[in-house]
Amino acid sequence: DGLCDCNKHGTHCAGLVNSKTSGYNLHTTLHSGKVFNWMGSASYATILEAMDWAGETHINNYPESPGIVSMSLGGGFSASVNAAVKALHD
């Protein structure tokens, strides 16, 4: 299922930020990007594509507002991922 949060981690993290009763910031607009398969893994290429999508989506919808991308990832060192994160930050 393309929309399934099969490990429930993304749903959990989004709820910490913007749940109706106890979220950290109740005035936040969330945009979700699913990158992990049902086993909880994804390629770096898919993750980088999602990061590009998140940046473009924010810039297109809120060009005058700062944005935050929150990702809870594990794995080894990757120069390409680090460079993409730096590019989003700059």
Protein backbone atom coordinates (compact mmCIF):
# COMPACT_ATOMS: atom_id res chain seq x y z
CA ASP A 1 0.00 0.00 0.00
CA GLY A 2 1.65 3.24 -1.14
CA LEU A 3 0.03 5.26 1.65
CA CYS A 4 0.58 2.77 4.48
CA ASP A 5 2.84 3.87 7.33
CA CYS A 6 3.64 0.23 7.89
CA ASN A 7 6.02 0.83 10.79
CA LYS A 8 3.93 3.68 12.29
CA HIS A 9 7.06 5.76 12.90
CA GLY A 10 6.22 8.62 10.53
CA THR A 11 2.70 8.89 11.93
CA HIS A 12 4.11 8.95 15.45
CA CYS A 13 6.61 11.73 14.62
CA ALA A 14 3.99 13.84 12.80
CA GLY A 15 1.66 13.51 15.78
CA LEU A 16 4.32 14.88 18.11
CA VAL A 17 4.44 18.03 16.00
CA ASN A 18 0.82 18.59 15.04
CA SER A 19 -1.72 16.37 16.80
CA LYS A 20 -5.05 18.06 17.55
CA THR A 21 -4.72 17.65 21.31
CA SER A 22 -1.08 17.74 22.26
CA GLY A 23 1.13 18.59 19.30
CA TYR A 24 4.10 20.88 19.70
CA ASN A 25 2.83 23.35 17.09
CA LEU A 26 -0.89 23.21 16.32
CA HIS A 27 -0.53 25.79 13.52
CA THR A 28 1.82 23.71 11.39
CA THR A 29 1.13 22.52 7.87
CA LEU A 30 2.49 19.03 7.30
CA HIS A 31 3.43 17.50 3.97
CA SER A 32 4.30 13.83 4.10
CA GLY A 33 6.62 12.01 1.78
CA LYS A 34 6.71 8.23 1.98
CA VAL A 35 10.09 6.76 1.16
CA PHE A 36 10.30 3.47 3.07
CA ASN A 37 8.85 0.17 1.93
CA TRP A 38 6.85 -2.13 4.19
CA MET A 39 10.10 -3.56 5.61
CA GLY A 40 11.39 -0.11 6.60
CA SER A 41 14.11 0.34 3.98
CA ALA A 42 14.70 2.73 1.09
CA SER A 43 17.49 3.60 -1.31
CA TYR A 44 19.52 6.77 -0.90
CA ALA A 45 18.22 7.86 -4.30
CA THR A 46 14.62 7.64 -3.05
CA ILE A 47 15.47 9.56 0.12
CA LEU A 48 17.27 12.27 -1.86
CA GLU A 49 14.33 12.54 -4.25
CA ALA A 50 11.99 12.98 -1.27
CA MET A 51 14.25 15.69 0.16
CA ASP A 52 14.15 17.54 -3.18
CA TRP A 53 10.37 17.16 -3.28
CA ALA A 54 10.00 18.52 0.26
CA GLY A 55 12.12 21.59 -0.49
CA GLU A 56 10.34 22.32 -3.76
CA THR A 57 6.90 21.80 -2.21
CA HIS A 58 7.67 24.24 0.57
CA ILE A 59 9.19 26.88 -1.70
CA ASN A 60 6.25 26.64 -4.12
CA ASN A 61 3.61 26.92 -1.37
CA TYR A 62 5.30 29.15 1.21
CA PRO A 63 8.07 31.12 -0.52
CA GLU A 64 8.33 33.74 2.23
CA SER A 65 8.30 31.37 5.22
CA PRO A 66 11.05 29.25 6.71
CA GLY A 67 10.50 25.51 6.61
CA ILE A 68 11.64 22.46 8.49
CA VAL A 69 12.26 18.98 7.17
CA SER A 70 12.20 16.32 9.86
CA MET A 71 13.61 12.91 9.01
CA SER A 72 14.28 10.06 11.38
CA LEU A 73 16.79 7.95 9.50
CA GLY A 74 19.42 5.42 10.39
CA GLY A 75 22.26 4.01 8.35
CA GLY A 76 25.87 4.48 7.46
CA PHE A 77 27.72 7.58 6.28
CA SER A 78 26.82 8.91 2.83
CA ALA A 79 28.57 11.92 1.28
CA SER A 80 25.68 12.41 -1.18
CA VAL A 81 23.07 12.52 1.60
CA ASN A 82 25.20 14.94 3.62
CA ALA A 83 25.63 17.18 0.55
CA ALA A 84 21.88 17.15 -0.13
CA VAL A 85 21.09 18.08 3.47
CA LYS A 86 23.63 20.93 3.30
CA ALA A 87 22.08 22.14 0.00
CA LEU A 88 18.62 22.25 1.61
CA HIS A 89 20.02 24.15 4.56
CA ASP A 90 21.82 26.72 2.39
